[in-house]
Amino acid sequence: MKTKLLSLMLIALIATPQLMANPTQNQSQSEPPTNVINAIKDIASKQYTTNSINTTEDPETNKITNRVEIYEVNFNENDTEYKNLIEAFEKDKECGYTYFHLLPKEGGVRNAYIGNNENEKIIIRKNIDQEFYMIVQKNPNDPTLRDLYSVTIENKYFYDQWGRAKNRKLTIHVITSLRPDLFGKDLNTLPGEEYDLNNLTDEGKRILKSTVLSYKQKFNLLEDRIRIYNNILKTGPGFSKMNIYNKEIDKEQKKLDKLRNKMIKDIEKIYKKYHK
């Protein structure tokens, strides 16, 4: 029988989502952005909303492997649905582990992964003239997946068919896909699933616990650095400095990936050496 203890320790470390160059990151939060979800459902239910929904399922398990929902609507700034959606992102910004809000001219083009490798992606913010909101959270039903909710708002106004001014185009993306940090990994043998503490000697259990805690401290140090850079980015340091801090975040993320792989190898060695 597989124990849950090791599973919990390893999932806390290995399932750390890929950190991006974002103003807000909160790894400890995993509450679903219910306000955003409900606001999107409200807009999606309207007759004037155009949509595109594509779902891929595992033929053996019938579980969703990825799902992409795209909703487009023209709105007036006084529309209740629009106000509710923007307020929802503000209310839910502490949910999930990533939150973005970019005003026009801030940041750059944004892509989102939609499959199980880096080549499968779509553009969710096409140009820097668009205002942009995004929240990413762990999928509540499958720890290998993540859920992304985003909205882009065009900065151009136009008159609609009723002659109403100040109308703009709004595009919503709801994406469920494999966590980027799991690209290229065998999902059938993720650590935390194949190890059984009951089959380890007492010495093995002690060493395993000590090893996991040691790696946890190293992960925290790297993640703290990334949070510091993100806090600096939040102040709007200017385009040139933004590029510098984004590069630093990328470097720290690569260190996290290498550390995660090393941890997996060390755990495997412990299990082999101290297996009953």
C-alpha atoms as a PDB file:
ATOM      1  CA  MET A   1       0.000   0.000   0.000  1.00  0.00           C
ATOM      2  CA  LYS A   2       1.418   3.370  -0.988  1.00  0.00           C
ATOM      3  CA  THR A   3       1.708   5.833   1.836  1.00  0.00           C
ATOM      4  CA  LYS A   4       0.461   9.392   1.551  1.00  0.00           C
ATOM      5  CA  LEU A   5       3.276  10.858   3.652  1.00  0.00           C
ATOM      6  CA  LEU A   6       5.955  10.751   0.965  1.00  0.00           C
ATOM      7  CA  SER A   7       3.455  11.797  -1.645  1.00  0.00           C
ATOM      8  CA  LEU A   8       2.681  14.980   0.274  1.00  0.00           C
ATOM      9  CA  MET A   9       6.348  15.815   0.861  1.00  0.00           C
ATOM     10  CA  LEU A  10       7.340  15.320  -2.755  1.00  0.00           C
ATOM     11  CA  ILE A  11       4.327  16.949  -4.332  1.00  0.00           C
ATOM     12  CA  ALA A  12       5.060  20.056  -2.278  1.00  0.00           C
ATOM     13  CA  LEU A  13       8.495  20.203  -3.890  1.00  0.00           C
ATOM     14  CA  ILE A  14       8.277  18.623  -7.307  1.00  0.00           C
ATOM     15  CA  ALA A  15       4.886  19.973  -8.258  1.00  0.00           C
ATOM     16  CA  THR A  16       6.126  23.552  -7.850  1.00  0.00           C
ATOM     17  CA  PRO A  17       4.690  25.304 -10.910  1.00  0.00           C
ATOM     18  CA  GLN A  18       7.089  27.023 -13.271  1.00  0.00           C
ATOM     19  CA  LEU A  19       7.698  30.558 -12.011  1.00  0.00           C
ATOM     20  CA  MET A  20       7.215  33.261 -14.599  1.00  0.00           C
ATOM     21  CA  ALA A  21       8.154  36.906 -14.653  1.00  0.00           C
ATOM     22  CA  ASN A  22       4.986  38.137 -12.989  1.00  0.00           C
ATOM     23  CA  PRO A  23       4.095  40.910 -10.573  1.00  0.00           C
ATOM     24  CA  THR A  24       2.375  38.520  -8.158  1.00  0.00           C
ATOM     25  CA  GLN A  25       3.291  34.941  -7.237  1.00  0.00           C
ATOM     26  CA  ASN A  26       1.857  33.071  -4.262  1.00  0.00           C
ATOM     27  CA  GLN A  27       2.816  29.420  -4.199  1.00  0.00           C
ATOM     28  CA  SER A  28       0.943  28.781  -0.953  1.00  0.00           C
ATOM     29  CA  GLN A  29      -2.435  29.739  -2.352  1.00  0.00           C
ATOM     30  CA  SER A  30      -4.479  27.283  -4.395  1.00  0.00           C
ATOM     31  CA  GLU A  31      -8.043  28.516  -3.928  1.00  0.00           C
ATOM     32  CA  PRO A  32      -9.967  28.552  -7.224  1.00  0.00           C
ATOM     33  CA  PRO A  33     -10.735  32.027  -8.628  1.00  0.00           C
ATOM     34  CA  THR A  34     -14.482  31.525  -8.259  1.00  0.00           C
ATOM     35  CA  ASN A  35     -15.363  35.146  -9.013  1.00  0.00           C
ATOM     36  CA  VAL A  36     -13.461  34.996 -12.308  1.00  0.00           C
ATOM     37  CA  ILE A  37     -14.953  31.605 -13.199  1.00  0.00           C
ATOM     38  CA  ASN A  38     -18.511  32.817 -12.568  1.00  0.00           C
ATOM     39  CA  ALA A  39     -17.961  36.085 -14.440  1.00  0.00           C
ATOM     40  CA  ILE A  40     -16.612  34.207 -17.472  1.00  0.00           C
ATOM     41  CA  LYS A  41     -19.542  31.777 -17.382  1.00  0.00           C
ATOM     42  CA  ASP A  42     -21.911  34.739 -17.361  1.00  0.00           C
ATOM     43  CA  ILE A  43     -20.304  36.286 -20.441  1.00  0.00           C
ATOM     44  CA  ALA A  44     -20.016  32.912 -22.213  1.00  0.00           C
ATOM     45  CA  SER A  45     -23.766  32.323 -21.802  1.00  0.00           C
ATOM     46  CA  LYS A  46     -24.738  35.476 -23.702  1.00  0.00           C
ATOM     47  CA  GLN A  47     -26.032  35.122 -27.257  1.00  0.00           C
ATOM     48  CA  TYR A  48     -23.779  37.873 -28.552  1.00  0.00           C
ATOM     49  CA  THR A  49     -20.612  36.060 -27.423  1.00  0.00           C
ATOM     50  CA  THR A  50     -18.673  34.057 -30.026  1.00  0.00           C
ATOM     51  CA  ASN A  51     -16.777  31.070 -28.744  1.00  0.00           C
ATOM     52  CA  SER A  52     -14.375  28.297 -29.691  1.00  0.00           C
ATOM     53  CA  ILE A  53     -13.962  25.256 -27.443  1.00  0.00           C
ATOM     54  CA  ASN A  54     -11.543  22.378 -28.081  1.00  0.00           C
ATOM     55  CA  THR A  55     -11.084  19.450 -25.701  1.00  0.00           C
ATOM     56  CA  THR A  56      -8.629  16.532 -25.847  1.00  0.00           C
ATOM     57  CA  GLU A  57      -9.160  13.443 -23.699  1.00  0.00           C
ATOM     58  CA  ASP A  58      -7.081  10.370 -22.908  1.00  0.00           C
ATOM     59  CA  PRO A  59      -8.837   7.555 -24.838  1.00  0.00           C
ATOM     60  CA  GLU A  60      -8.035   5.028 -22.092  1.00  0.00           C
ATOM     61  CA  THR A  61      -9.137   7.023 -19.052  1.00  0.00           C
ATOM     62  CA  ASN A  62     -11.472   9.611 -20.665  1.00  0.00           C
ATOM     63  CA  LYS A  63      -9.720  12.244 -18.552  1.00  0.00           C
ATOM     64  CA  ILE A  64      -9.132  15.687 -20.036  1.00  0.00           C
ATOM     65  CA  THR A  65      -5.509  16.193 -21.104  1.00  0.00           C
ATOM     66  CA  ASN A  66      -6.073  19.715 -22.382  1.00  0.00           C
ATOM     67  CA  ARG A  67      -8.937  22.096 -23.035  1.00  0.00           C
ATOM     68  CA  VAL A  68      -8.963  25.505 -24.689  1.00  0.00           C
ATOM     69  CA  GLU A  69     -11.946  27.861 -24.468  1.00  0.00           C
ATOM     70  CA  ILE A  70     -11.883  31.200 -26.308  1.00  0.00           C
ATOM     71  CA  TYR A  71     -14.657  33.771 -25.960  1.00  0.00           C
ATOM     72  CA  GLU A  72     -14.862  37.043 -27.877  1.00  0.00           C
ATOM     73  CA  VAL A  73     -17.337  39.844 -27.233  1.00  0.00           C
ATOM     74  CA  ASN A  74     -17.719  43.532 -28.038  1.00  0.00           C
ATOM     75  CA  PHE A  75     -18.603  45.490 -24.930  1.00  0.00           C
ATOM     76  CA  ASN A  76     -19.370  48.941 -23.632  1.00  0.00           C
ATOM     77  CA  GLU A  77     -17.482  50.122 -20.550  1.00  0.00           C
ATOM     78  CA  ASN A  78     -20.807  50.585 -18.786  1.00  0.00           C
ATOM     79  CA  ASP A  79     -21.875  46.971 -19.373  1.00  0.00           C
ATOM     80  CA  THR A  80     -22.441  45.120 -16.111  1.00  0.00           C
ATOM     81  CA  GLU A  81     -20.817  41.902 -17.369  1.00  0.00           C
ATOM     82  CA  TYR A  82     -17.623  43.778 -18.244  1.00  0.00           C
ATOM     83  CA  LYS A  83     -17.433  45.523 -14.873  1.00  0.00           C
ATOM     84  CA  ASN A  84     -18.072  42.249 -13.053  1.00  0.00           C
ATOM     85  CA  LEU A  85     -15.262  40.492 -14.951  1.00  0.00           C
ATOM     86  CA  ILE A  86     -12.648  43.150 -14.198  1.00  0.00           C
ATOM     87  CA  GLU A  87     -13.714  43.307 -10.555  1.00  0.00           C
ATOM     88  CA  ALA A  88     -13.521  39.503 -10.392  1.00  0.00           C
ATOM     89  CA  PHE A  89      -9.850  39.454 -11.433  1.00  0.00           C
ATOM     90  CA  GLU A  90      -9.084  42.077  -8.788  1.00  0.00           C
ATOM     91  CA  LYS A  91     -10.954  40.117  -6.108  1.00  0.00           C
ATOM     92  CA  ASP A  92      -9.286  36.809  -7.027  1.00  0.00           C
ATOM     93  CA  LYS A  93      -5.722  38.045  -7.521  1.00  0.00           C
ATOM     94  CA  GLU A  94      -4.548  36.176  -4.412  1.00  0.00           C
ATOM     95  CA  CYS A  95      -5.921  32.906  -5.760  1.00  0.00           C
ATOM     96  CA  GLY A  96      -3.797  30.420  -7.651  1.00  0.00           C
ATOM     97  CA  TYR A  97      -0.036  30.920  -7.896  1.00  0.00           C
ATOM     98  CA  THR A  98       0.292  33.526 -10.654  1.00  0.00           C
ATOM     99  CA  TYR A  99      -1.476  36.820 -11.223  1.00  0.00           C
ATOM    100  CA  PHE A 100      -0.904  39.349 -14.001  1.00  0.00           C
ATOM    101  CA  HIS A 101      -2.344  42.766 -14.727  1.00  0.00           C
ATOM    102  CA  LEU A 102      -0.653  44.670 -17.539  1.00  0.00           C
ATOM    103  CA  LEU A 103      -1.818  48.064 -18.722  1.00  0.00           C
ATOM    104  CA  PRO A 104      -1.379  49.091 -22.366  1.00  0.00           C
ATOM    105  CA  LYS A 105       2.331  49.598 -23.209  1.00  0.00           C
ATOM    106  CA  GLU A 106       3.390  47.432 -20.250  1.00  0.00           C
ATOM    107  CA  GLY A 107       5.079  44.066 -20.707  1.00  0.00           C
ATOM    108  CA  GLY A 108       4.989  42.278 -24.037  1.00  0.00           C
ATOM    109  CA  VAL A 109       3.218  39.634 -26.084  1.00  0.00           C
ATOM    110  CA  ARG A 110       2.068  36.660 -23.981  1.00  0.00           C
ATOM    111  CA  ASN A 111       1.879  33.007 -24.984  1.00  0.00           C
ATOM    112  CA  ALA A 112       0.224  30.117 -23.161  1.00  0.00           C
ATOM    113  CA  TYR A 113       1.080  26.428 -23.428  1.00  0.00           C
ATOM    114  CA  ILE A 114      -1.867  24.281 -24.446  1.00  0.00           C
ATOM    115  CA  GLY A 115      -0.314  20.816 -24.870  1.00  0.00           C
ATOM    116  CA  ASN A 116       2.438  18.633 -23.429  1.00  0.00           C
ATOM    117  CA  ASN A 117       5.488  20.378 -24.902  1.00  0.00           C
ATOM    118  CA  GLU A 118       6.884  23.862 -25.516  1.00  0.00           C
ATOM    119  CA  ASN A 119       5.858  23.831 -29.189  1.00  0.00           C
ATOM    120  CA  GLU A 120       2.150  23.643 -28.409  1.00  0.00           C
ATOM    121  CA  LYS A 121       1.149  27.176 -27.490  1.00  0.00           C
ATOM    122  CA  ILE A 122      -1.108  30.025 -28.526  1.00  0.00           C
ATOM    123  CA  ILE A 123      -0.889  33.794 -28.213  1.00  0.00           C
ATOM    124  CA  ILE A 124      -3.178  35.182 -25.518  1.00  0.00           C
ATOM    125  CA  ARG A 125      -1.933  38.784 -25.690  1.00  0.00           C
ATOM    126  CA  LYS A 126      -1.166  39.781 -29.277  1.00  0.00           C
ATOM    127  CA  ASN A 127       0.206  43.280 -28.757  1.00  0.00           C
ATOM    128  CA  ILE A 128       1.247  45.671 -26.003  1.00  0.00           C
ATOM    129  CA  ASP A 129      -1.673  48.012 -26.722  1.00  0.00           C
ATOM    130  CA  GLN A 130      -3.999  45.520 -25.043  1.00  0.00           C
ATOM    131  CA  GLU A 131      -4.801  45.593 -21.353  1.00  0.00           C
ATOM    132  CA  PHE A 132      -4.236  42.126 -19.920  1.00  0.00           C
ATOM    133  CA  TYR A 133      -5.341  40.119 -16.874  1.00  0.00           C
ATOM    134  CA  MET A 134      -4.319  36.538 -16.056  1.00  0.00           C
ATOM    135  CA  ILE A 135      -4.642  34.060 -13.181  1.00  0.00           C
ATOM    136  CA  VAL A 136      -3.079  30.570 -13.136  1.00  0.00           C
ATOM    137  CA  GLN A 137      -3.900  27.883 -10.582  1.00  0.00           C
ATOM    138  CA  LYS A 138      -3.461  24.178  -9.971  1.00  0.00           C
ATOM    139  CA  ASN A 139      -6.186  22.066 -11.493  1.00  0.00           C
ATOM    140  CA  PRO A 140      -8.351  20.835  -8.588  1.00  0.00           C
ATOM    141  CA  ASN A 141      -8.979  17.424 -10.168  1.00  0.00           C
ATOM    142  CA  ASP A 142      -5.554  16.518 -11.580  1.00  0.00           C
ATOM    143  CA  PRO A 143      -2.243  17.621  -9.977  1.00  0.00           C
ATOM    144  CA  THR A 144      -0.422  17.296 -13.313  1.00  0.00           C
ATOM    145  CA  LEU A 145      -2.587  20.000 -14.930  1.00  0.00           C
ATOM    146  CA  ARG A 146      -2.900  23.743 -14.463  1.00  0.00           C
ATOM    147  CA  ASP A 147      -5.793  26.102 -15.229  1.00  0.00           C
ATOM    148  CA  LEU A 148      -5.231  29.508 -16.832  1.00  0.00           C
ATOM    149  CA  TYR A 149      -7.791  32.312 -17.037  1.00  0.00           C
ATOM    150  CA  SER A 150      -6.974  35.453 -19.023  1.00  0.00           C
ATOM    151  CA  VAL A 151      -8.680  38.432 -20.629  1.00  0.00           C
ATOM    152  CA  THR A 152      -7.288  40.905 -23.161  1.00  0.00           C
ATOM    153  CA  ILE A 153      -8.996  44.238 -23.769  1.00  0.00           C
ATOM    154  CA  GLU A 154      -8.432  46.156 -26.988  1.00  0.00           C
ATOM    155  CA  ASN A 155      -7.373  49.765 -26.575  1.00  0.00           C
ATOM    156  CA  LYS A 156      -9.315  50.847 -29.667  1.00  0.00           C
ATOM    157  CA  TYR A 157     -12.863  52.209 -29.477  1.00  0.00           C
ATOM    158  CA  PHE A 158     -15.557  51.919 -32.139  1.00  0.00           C
ATOM    159  CA  TYR A 159     -19.287  52.462 -32.664  1.00  0.00           C
ATOM    160  CA  ASP A 160     -21.532  49.406 -32.593  1.00  0.00           C
ATOM    161  CA  GLN A 161     -24.612  48.805 -34.745  1.00  0.00           C
ATOM    162  CA  TRP A 162     -26.750  50.820 -32.336  1.00  0.00           C
ATOM    163  CA  GLY A 163     -24.434  53.813 -32.562  1.00  0.00           C
ATOM    164  CA  ARG A 164     -23.015  53.389 -29.052  1.00  0.00           C
ATOM    165  CA  ALA A 165     -19.525  54.797 -28.673  1.00  0.00           C
ATOM    166  CA  LYS A 166     -16.704  53.538 -26.471  1.00  0.00           C
ATOM    167  CA  ASN A 167     -17.128  49.911 -27.423  1.00  0.00           C
ATOM    168  CA  ARG A 168     -14.114  47.620 -27.381  1.00  0.00           C
ATOM    169  CA  LYS A 169     -13.306  44.008 -28.145  1.00  0.00           C
ATOM    170  CA  LEU A 170     -12.646  41.650 -25.242  1.00  0.00           C
ATOM    171  CA  THR A 171     -11.096  38.171 -25.602  1.00  0.00           C
ATOM    172  CA  ILE A 172     -11.178  35.559 -22.858  1.00  0.00           C
ATOM    173  CA  HIS A 173      -9.036  32.413 -22.690  1.00  0.00           C
ATOM    174  CA  VAL A 174      -9.690  29.496 -20.337  1.00  0.00           C
ATOM    175  CA  ILE A 175      -6.959  26.884 -20.742  1.00  0.00           C
ATOM    176  CA  THR A 176      -6.434  23.581 -18.958  1.00  0.00           C
ATOM    177  CA  SER A 177      -3.119  21.956 -19.860  1.00  0.00           C
ATOM    178  CA  LEU A 178      -0.124  20.029 -18.582  1.00  0.00           C
ATOM    179  CA  ARG A 179       2.044  21.920 -16.092  1.00  0.00           C
ATOM    180  CA  PRO A 180       5.109  23.217 -17.999  1.00  0.00           C
ATOM    181  CA  ASP A 181       7.502  21.828 -15.374  1.00  0.00           C
ATOM    182  CA  LEU A 182       6.293  18.312 -16.309  1.00  0.00           C
ATOM    183  CA  PHE A 183       7.111  18.581 -20.034  1.00  0.00           C
ATOM    184  CA  GLY A 184       9.129  15.527 -21.084  1.00  0.00           C
ATOM    185  CA  LYS A 185       8.547  13.600 -17.839  1.00  0.00           C
ATOM    186  CA  ASP A 186       6.946  10.177 -17.516  1.00  0.00           C
ATOM    187  CA  LEU A 187       3.677  11.001 -15.802  1.00  0.00           C
ATOM    188  CA  ASN A 188       3.190   7.374 -14.838  1.00  0.00           C
ATOM    189  CA  THR A 189       6.270   7.420 -12.585  1.00  0.00           C
ATOM    190  CA  LEU A 190       6.160  10.820 -10.894  1.00  0.00           C
ATOM    191  CA  PRO A 191       7.937  10.776  -7.538  1.00  0.00           C
ATOM    192  CA  GLY A 192       5.465  10.618  -4.704  1.00  0.00           C
ATOM    193  CA  GLU A 193       3.508   7.912  -6.475  1.00  0.00           C
ATOM    194  CA  GLU A 194       5.937   5.011  -6.975  1.00  0.00           C
ATOM    195  CA  TYR A 195       7.670   5.041  -3.573  1.00  0.00           C
ATOM    196  CA  ASP A 196       6.386   3.123  -0.570  1.00  0.00           C
ATOM    197  CA  LEU A 197       7.699   4.223   2.834  1.00  0.00           C
ATOM    198  CA  ASN A 198       6.610   0.905   4.298  1.00  0.00           C
ATOM    199  CA  ASN A 199       9.311  -0.766   2.214  1.00  0.00           C
ATOM    200  CA  LEU A 200      12.078   1.509   3.546  1.00  0.00           C
ATOM    201  CA  THR A 201      14.213   0.746   6.579  1.00  0.00           C
ATOM    202  CA  ASP A 202      13.983   3.102   9.559  1.00  0.00           C
ATOM    203  CA  GLU A 203      17.362   4.567   8.592  1.00  0.00           C
ATOM    204  CA  GLY A 204      16.095   5.072   5.049  1.00  0.00           C
ATOM    205  CA  LYS A 205      13.010   6.892   6.274  1.00  0.00           C
ATOM    206  CA  ARG A 206      15.158   9.188   8.428  1.00  0.00           C
ATOM    207  CA  ILE A 207      17.572   9.984   5.583  1.00  0.00           C
ATOM    208  CA  LEU A 208      14.725  10.495   3.127  1.00  0.00           C
ATOM    209  CA  LYS A 209      12.978  12.978   5.426  1.00  0.00           C
ATOM    210  CA  SER A 210      16.214  14.863   6.046  1.00  0.00           C
ATOM    211  CA  THR A 211      16.957  14.995   2.300  1.00  0.00           C
ATOM    212  CA  VAL A 212      13.523  16.316   1.414  1.00  0.00           C
ATOM    213  CA  LEU A 213      13.706  19.018   4.088  1.00  0.00           C
ATOM    214  CA  SER A 214      17.161  20.039   2.873  1.00  0.00           C
ATOM    215  CA  TYR A 215      15.914  20.441  -0.682  1.00  0.00           C
ATOM    216  CA  LYS A 216      12.901  22.334   0.577  1.00  0.00           C
ATOM    217  CA  GLN A 217      15.196  24.951   2.092  1.00  0.00           C
ATOM    218  CA  LYS A 218      17.132  25.284  -1.161  1.00  0.00           C
ATOM    219  CA  PHE A 219      13.906  25.645  -3.128  1.00  0.00           C
ATOM    220  CA  ASN A 220      12.741  28.369  -0.759  1.00  0.00           C
ATOM    221  CA  LEU A 221      15.972  30.355  -1.240  1.00  0.00           C
ATOM    222  CA  LEU A 222      15.654  30.302  -5.029  1.00  0.00           C
ATOM    223  CA  GLU A 223      11.952  31.133  -4.929  1.00  0.00           C
ATOM    224  CA  ASP A 224      12.627  34.032  -2.541  1.00  0.00           C
ATOM    225  CA  ARG A 225      15.044  35.518  -5.072  1.00  0.00           C
ATOM    226  CA  ILE A 226      12.438  35.249  -7.794  1.00  0.00           C
ATOM    227  CA  ARG A 227       9.859  36.945  -5.575  1.00  0.00           C
ATOM    228  CA  ILE A 228      12.296  39.799  -4.911  1.00  0.00           C
ATOM    229  CA  TYR A 229      12.788  40.334  -8.648  1.00  0.00           C
ATOM    230  CA  ASN A 230       9.023  40.164  -9.180  1.00  0.00           C
ATOM    231  CA  ASN A 231       8.462  42.797  -6.504  1.00  0.00           C
ATOM    232  CA  ILE A 232      10.932  45.054  -8.289  1.00  0.00           C
ATOM    233  CA  LEU A 233       9.102  44.479 -11.578  1.00  0.00           C
ATOM    234  CA  LYS A 234       5.871  45.423  -9.843  1.00  0.00           C
ATOM    235  CA  THR A 235       7.238  48.944  -9.294  1.00  0.00           C
ATOM    236  CA  GLY A 236       7.636  49.474 -13.051  1.00  0.00           C
ATOM    237  CA  PRO A 237      11.421  49.947 -13.278  1.00  0.00           C
ATOM    238  CA  GLY A 238      11.421  50.777 -16.985  1.00  0.00           C
ATOM    239  CA  PHE A 239      11.759  48.669 -20.123  1.00  0.00           C
ATOM    240  CA  SER A 240      15.556  48.116 -20.018  1.00  0.00           C
ATOM    241  CA  LYS A 241      15.583  47.118 -16.343  1.00  0.00           C
ATOM    242  CA  MET A 242      12.513  44.932 -16.870  1.00  0.00           C
ATOM    243  CA  ASN A 243      14.493  42.902 -19.400  1.00  0.00           C
ATOM    244  CA  ILE A 244      17.382  42.566 -16.937  1.00  0.00           C
ATOM    245  CA  TYR A 245      15.162  41.343 -14.105  1.00  0.00           C
ATOM    246  CA  ASN A 246      13.249  39.013 -16.424  1.00  0.00           C
ATOM    247  CA  LYS A 247      16.574  37.425 -17.437  1.00  0.00           C
ATOM    248  CA  GLU A 248      17.519  37.028 -13.784  1.00  0.00           C
ATOM    249  CA  ILE A 249      14.205  35.312 -13.114  1.00  0.00           C
ATOM    250  CA  ASP A 250      14.838  32.950 -16.039  1.00  0.00           C
ATOM    251  CA  LYS A 251      18.257  32.081 -14.568  1.00  0.00           C
ATOM    252  CA  GLU A 252      16.774  31.320 -11.163  1.00  0.00           C
ATOM    253  CA  GLN A 253      14.051  29.213 -12.791  1.00  0.00           C
ATOM    254  CA  LYS A 254      16.698  27.120 -14.577  1.00  0.00           C
ATOM    255  CA  LYS A 255      18.417  26.597 -11.227  1.00  0.00           C
ATOM    256  CA  LEU A 256      15.097  25.431  -9.793  1.00  0.00           C
ATOM    257  CA  ASP A 257      14.652  22.935 -12.634  1.00  0.00           C
ATOM    258  CA  LYS A 258      18.173  21.530 -12.152  1.00  0.00           C
ATOM    259  CA  LEU A 259      17.674  21.308  -8.394  1.00  0.00           C
ATOM    260  CA  ARG A 260      14.372  19.497  -8.876  1.00  0.00           C
ATOM    261  CA  ASN A 261      15.988  16.916 -11.171  1.00  0.00           C
ATOM    262  CA  LYS A 262      18.871  16.397  -8.727  1.00  0.00           C
ATOM    263  CA  MET A 263      16.433  15.881  -5.885  1.00  0.00           C
ATOM    264  CA  ILE A 264      14.587  13.202  -7.833  1.00  0.00           C
ATOM    265  CA  LYS A 265      17.843  11.325  -8.485  1.00  0.00           C
ATOM    266  CA  ASP A 266      18.886  11.541  -4.822  1.00  0.00           C
ATOM    267  CA  ILE A 267      15.529  10.205  -3.668  1.00  0.00           C
ATOM    268  CA  GLU A 268      15.801   7.302  -6.085  1.00  0.00           C
ATOM    269  CA  LYS A 269      19.273   6.463  -4.722  1.00  0.00           C
ATOM    270  CA  ILE A 270      17.978   6.490  -1.145  1.00  0.00           C
ATOM    271  CA  TYR A 271      15.086   4.222  -2.027  1.00  0.00           C
ATOM    272  CA  LYS A 272      17.340   1.725  -3.793  1.00  0.00           C
ATOM    273  CA  LYS A 273      19.909   1.673  -0.981  1.00  0.00           C
ATOM    274  CA  TYR A 274      17.513   1.405   1.959  1.00  0.00           C
ATOM    275  CA  HIS A 275      14.782  -0.723   0.413  1.00  0.00           C
ATOM    276  CA  LYS A 276      13.771  -3.633   2.657  1.00  0.00           C
END
